[in-house]
């Protein structure tokens, strides 16, 4: 699904140049949830931006489903981000003047989907993330966990094949963050009505949340240092939900 080969990205020149990525090679299989960990400045956000077509590497190759991103023109890259990639940000990035339902509907408006089809999918997605009763509320009327659930629903609006999440729990408390990460894992598995499995690449520094991923990769100073299987691939290592005896898919629940 996602393949990076000897990817380099440097910002600036000379002695002040910042080498964000140094020869990173990584393959993410279809339907896999991969967590990228590392300290601030390790290259996690740069990696996601490159995979999402928001930035271009100085060297190496990035391919999605065999398509080299470097071969795409501006309009093709835009269509790729709109139709095949969903983005989830630490800051939620919801439009404050729009309701939860309207925020979820924005990507489908960009594709000019018929109103009836758009409204039906918005209702389904909000129900899937446990916010059916909050459709008419604006972001300021929602908790942080609810806002991030709206953001996840919006990211899934156009049925993307790839989900990119940059520190999606960074502004949430431990229990709410755990619930959001469980939701992402359930989304990757295709759980919920009319859901299809997706591939996810999630940047996080939260050690507890790493155990919900299929695989964990570590970046340090722009270099890939380690790759390991996480508890999601080994039930005997599963970490219980904070404040509870166990954990499970959080679809159709609220934090």
Protein backbone atom coordinates (compact mmCIF):
# COMPACT_ATOMS: atom_id res chain seq x y z
CA UNK A 1 0.00 0.00 0.00
CA UNK A 2 2.64 2.54 1.13
CA UNK A 3 6.28 2.19 0.17
CA UNK A 4 9.13 4.56 1.01
CA UNK A 5 12.57 3.88 -0.41
CA UNK A 6 15.65 5.80 0.80
CA UNK A 7 13.61 8.97 1.37
CA UNK A 8 15.48 12.17 2.25
CA UNK A 9 14.12 15.59 3.20
CA UNK A 10 16.25 18.58 4.16
CA UNK A 11 15.06 22.08 5.01
CA UNK A 12 17.45 24.97 4.41
CA UNK A 13 21.06 24.90 3.27
CA UNK A 14 24.54 25.07 4.63
CA UNK A 15 25.37 24.84 8.34
CA UNK A 16 21.78 25.70 9.36
CA UNK A 17 20.20 22.94 7.25
CA UNK A 18 17.81 20.62 9.07
CA UNK A 19 17.94 17.01 7.89
CA UNK A 20 14.37 15.95 8.74
CA UNK A 21 14.62 12.53 7.08
CA UNK A 22 17.79 10.63 6.22
CA UNK A 23 17.33 7.65 3.92
CA UNK A 24 14.10 6.30 5.41
CA UNK A 25 12.73 3.07 3.92
CA UNK A 26 9.39 1.73 5.11
CA UNK A 27 6.58 -0.46 3.78
CA UNK A 28 3.05 -0.39 5.19
CA UNK A 29 0.75 -3.22 4.11
CA UNK A 30 -2.89 -2.75 3.20
CA UNK A 31 -5.09 -2.88 6.30
CA UNK A 32 -2.19 -2.32 8.70
CA UNK A 33 -2.12 0.20 11.56
CA UNK A 34 1.45 1.42 11.98
CA UNK A 35 2.45 3.79 14.77
CA UNK A 36 5.45 6.07 14.28
CA UNK A 37 7.09 7.13 17.52
CA UNK A 38 9.90 9.52 18.28
CA UNK A 39 10.69 12.72 20.09
CA UNK A 40 9.62 16.14 18.86
CA UNK A 41 11.77 16.95 15.84
CA UNK A 42 12.49 13.32 15.03
CA UNK A 43 10.81 13.57 11.60
CA UNK A 44 7.36 12.08 12.30
CA UNK A 45 5.33 14.98 10.88
CA UNK A 46 7.66 15.30 7.90
CA UNK A 47 7.16 11.61 7.16
CA UNK A 48 3.36 11.94 7.21
CA UNK A 49 3.43 15.10 5.09
CA UNK A 50 5.53 13.36 2.46
CA UNK A 51 3.32 10.27 2.36
CA UNK A 52 0.23 12.51 2.14
CA UNK A 53 1.58 14.49 -0.78
CA UNK A 54 1.71 17.72 1.25
CA UNK A 55 5.47 17.94 0.74
CA UNK A 56 8.00 16.43 -1.66
CA UNK A 57 11.23 14.58 -0.79
CA UNK A 58 14.67 15.73 -1.90
CA UNK A 59 15.59 12.16 -2.75
CA UNK A 60 14.20 8.65 -2.75
CA UNK A 61 10.81 7.32 -3.79
CA UNK A 62 7.33 7.32 -2.22
CA UNK A 63 4.65 5.13 -3.77
CA UNK A 64 0.98 4.53 -2.94
CA UNK A 65 -0.45 1.37 -4.47
CA UNK A 66 2.51 1.34 -6.83
CA UNK A 67 2.08 4.94 -8.01
CA UNK A 68 5.17 7.09 -7.56
CA UNK A 69 3.98 10.39 -6.07
CA UNK A 70 6.74 12.22 -7.93
CA UNK A 71 5.03 11.38 -11.24
CA UNK A 72 1.78 13.13 -10.29
CA UNK A 73 0.92 16.62 -11.47
CA UNK A 74 -0.59 19.22 -9.17
CA UNK A 75 -4.20 18.36 -10.05
CA UNK A 76 -3.53 14.63 -9.73
CA UNK A 77 -1.89 15.13 -6.34
CA UNK A 78 -4.85 17.21 -5.21
CA UNK A 79 -7.27 14.51 -6.32
CA UNK A 80 -5.21 11.87 -4.50
CA UNK A 81 -5.39 13.79 -1.21
CA UNK A 82 -9.10 14.49 -1.65
CA UNK A 83 -10.24 11.02 -2.71
CA UNK A 84 -7.78 8.47 -1.34
CA UNK A 85 -6.18 9.93 1.80
CA UNK A 86 -7.83 11.00 5.06
CA UNK A 87 -6.01 13.35 7.44
CA UNK A 88 -6.43 13.61 11.23
CA UNK A 89 -4.60 16.41 13.04
CA UNK A 90 -3.63 16.98 16.68
CA UNK A 91 -5.47 20.32 16.67
CA UNK A 92 -8.66 18.71 15.21
CA UNK A 93 -8.76 21.42 12.47
CA UNK A 94 -12.56 21.69 12.52
CA UNK A 95 -14.21 24.78 11.04
CA UNK A 96 -15.62 26.63 14.07
CA UNK A 97 -18.64 28.13 12.27
CA UNK A 98 -19.85 24.75 11.03
CA UNK A 99 -21.73 22.07 12.95
CA UNK A 100 -20.32 18.60 13.45
CA UNK A 101 -22.41 17.32 10.53
CA UNK A 102 -21.33 20.18 8.28
CA UNK A 103 -17.65 19.61 9.12
CA UNK A 104 -17.95 15.93 8.22
CA UNK A 105 -19.65 16.88 4.97
CA UNK A 106 -16.94 19.27 3.75
CA UNK A 107 -14.84 16.67 1.85
CA UNK A 108 -17.97 15.39 0.09
CA UNK A 109 -18.95 18.94 -0.88
CA UNK A 110 -15.56 19.25 -2.55
CA UNK A 111 -16.41 16.17 -4.61
CA UNK A 112 -19.84 17.65 -5.41
CA UNK A 113 -21.72 14.63 -4.11
CA UNK A 114 -25.52 14.89 -4.28
CA UNK A 115 -27.04 16.37 -1.14
CA UNK A 116 -29.06 13.27 -0.25
CA UNK A 117 -26.06 10.97 -0.61
CA UNK A 118 -23.89 13.35 1.39
CA UNK A 119 -26.37 13.70 4.25
CA UNK A 120 -26.86 9.94 4.44
CA UNK A 121 -23.12 9.30 4.74
CA UNK A 122 -22.66 12.10 7.28
CA UNK A 123 -25.34 10.55 9.48
CA UNK A 124 -23.77 7.11 9.15
CA UNK A 125 -20.27 8.37 10.04
CA UNK A 126 -21.42 10.35 13.06
CA UNK A 127 -23.31 7.30 14.31
CA UNK A 128 -20.22 5.16 13.75
CA UNK A 129 -18.09 7.41 15.97
CA UNK A 130 -20.82 7.66 18.60
CA UNK A 131 -21.91 11.25 17.91
CA UNK A 132 -25.29 10.86 16.22
CA UNK A 133 -26.89 13.05 18.89
CA UNK A 134 -24.33 15.84 18.43
CA UNK A 135 -24.73 16.47 14.70
CA UNK A 136 -25.98 20.06 15.13
CA UNK A 137 -23.40 21.13 17.69
CA UNK A 138 -20.44 23.33 16.78
CA UNK A 139 -16.87 22.50 17.84
CA UNK A 140 -16.93 24.86 20.83
CA UNK A 141 -19.87 22.90 22.20
CA UNK A 142 -17.99 19.59 22.04
CA UNK A 143 -15.31 18.09 24.27
CA UNK A 144 -11.82 17.47 22.94
CA UNK A 145 -12.52 13.77 22.48
CA UNK A 146 -15.76 14.51 20.64
CA UNK A 147 -14.02 17.00 18.36
CA UNK A 148 -11.39 14.41 17.46
CA UNK A 149 -14.14 11.89 16.71
CA UNK A 150 -15.72 14.42 14.35
CA UNK A 151 -12.30 14.86 12.73
CA UNK A 152 -11.98 11.09 12.26
CA UNK A 153 -15.47 10.93 10.73
CA UNK A 154 -14.52 13.76 8.37
CA UNK A 155 -11.30 11.95 7.39
CA UNK A 156 -13.39 8.90 6.42
CA UNK A 157 -15.97 10.87 4.44
CA UNK A 158 -14.66 9.99 0.98
CA UNK A 159 -13.83 6.37 1.85
CA UNK A 160 -10.04 6.81 1.79
CA UNK A 161 -7.67 3.90 1.35
CA UNK A 162 -5.09 5.55 3.64
CA UNK A 163 -5.52 7.38 6.94
CA UNK A 164 -2.74 9.65 8.22
CA UNK A 165 -2.97 10.85 11.83
CA UNK A 166 -0.45 13.25 13.35
CA UNK A 167 -0.48 13.06 17.17
CA UNK A 168 -4.27 12.52 17.21
CA UNK A 169 -4.34 12.21 21.01
CA UNK A 170 -1.85 14.96 21.81
CA UNK A 171 -4.46 17.33 23.27
CA UNK A 172 -6.52 14.68 25.07
CA UNK A 173 -6.36 13.14 28.54
CA UNK A 174 -5.12 9.56 28.85
CA UNK A 175 -8.50 7.81 28.91
CA UNK A 176 -10.02 9.86 26.08
CA UNK A 177 -6.86 9.44 24.04
CA UNK A 178 -6.99 5.68 24.54
CA UNK A 179 -10.61 5.65 23.38
CA UNK A 180 -9.75 7.66 20.25
CA UNK A 181 -6.88 5.29 19.43
CA UNK A 182 -9.20 2.30 19.89
CA UNK A 183 -11.61 3.97 17.49
CA UNK A 184 -8.84 4.36 14.91
CA UNK A 185 -7.95 0.69 15.30
CA UNK A 186 -11.62 -0.30 14.82
CA UNK A 187 -11.77 1.90 11.71
CA UNK A 188 -8.68 0.18 10.28
CA UNK A 189 -10.34 -3.20 10.89
CA UNK A 190 -13.45 -2.06 9.01
CA UNK A 191 -15.73 -2.47 12.02
CA UNK A 192 -19.06 -0.64 11.95
CA UNK A 193 -21.87 -0.33 9.43
CA UNK A 194 -20.81 0.27 5.80
CA UNK A 195 -17.17 0.40 6.87
CA UNK A 196 -14.25 -0.82 4.80
CA UNK A 197 -10.78 -1.63 6.14
CA UNK A 198 -8.21 1.12 5.64
CA UNK A 199 -4.47 1.47 6.10
CA UNK A 200 -3.31 3.87 8.83
CA UNK A 201 -0.04 5.59 9.66
CA UNK A 202 -0.21 7.30 13.06
CA UNK A 203 2.47 9.51 14.59
CA UNK A 204 2.45 9.43 18.41
CA UNK A 205 4.80 9.68 21.36
CA UNK A 206 2.31 8.14 23.80
CA UNK A 207 3.82 4.82 24.90
CA UNK A 208 0.48 3.41 26.09
CA UNK A 209 -1.20 4.00 22.75
CA UNK A 210 1.59 2.30 20.83
CA UNK A 211 0.32 -1.08 22.07
CA UNK A 212 -2.88 -0.67 20.03
CA UNK A 213 -0.97 -0.63 16.74
CA UNK A 214 -0.09 -3.64 14.59
CA UNK A 215 3.48 -2.41 14.30
CA UNK A 216 5.60 0.32 15.82
CA UNK A 217 8.46 2.08 14.01
CA UNK A 218 10.81 4.53 15.68
CA UNK A 219 12.34 7.65 14.18
CA UNK A 220 15.34 9.38 15.72
CA UNK A 221 17.10 12.32 14.07
CA UNK A 222 15.39 11.54 10.78
CA UNK A 223 16.52 7.93 10.71
CA UNK A 224 14.41 4.80 11.12
CA UNK A 225 15.87 3.07 14.16
CA UNK A 226 13.57 0.19 15.03
CA UNK A 227 10.47 -1.73 13.95
CA UNK A 228 8.51 -4.02 16.23
CA UNK A 229 5.17 -5.77 16.52
CA UNK A 230 2.81 -4.22 19.05
CA UNK A 231 0.27 -5.71 21.44
CA UNK A 232 -2.55 -5.49 18.90
CA UNK A 233 -0.79 -8.30 17.04
CA UNK A 234 -0.29 -10.25 20.27
CA UNK A 235 -3.35 -10.41 22.57
CA UNK A 236 -1.22 -11.60 25.49
CA UNK A 237 0.47 -8.18 25.53
CA UNK A 238 -2.71 -6.11 25.30
CA UNK A 239 -2.81 -3.07 27.56
CA UNK A 240 -6.07 -2.50 29.46
CA UNK A 241 -7.99 0.69 28.93
CA UNK A 242 -7.12 3.32 31.59
CA UNK A 243 -9.66 3.13 34.37
CA UNK A 244 -11.12 -0.17 33.17
CA UNK A 245 -10.53 -3.89 33.18
CA UNK A 246 -10.22 -4.24 29.43
CA UNK A 247 -10.61 -2.58 26.10
CA UNK A 248 -12.52 -3.10 22.91
CA UNK A 249 -13.70 -1.25 19.83
CA UNK A 250 -15.18 2.13 20.78
CA UNK A 251 -17.42 2.54 17.77
CA UNK A 252 -20.91 3.58 18.84
CA UNK A 253 -19.66 4.82 22.22
CA UNK A 254 -18.51 8.18 23.57
CA UNK A 255 -15.42 9.05 25.63
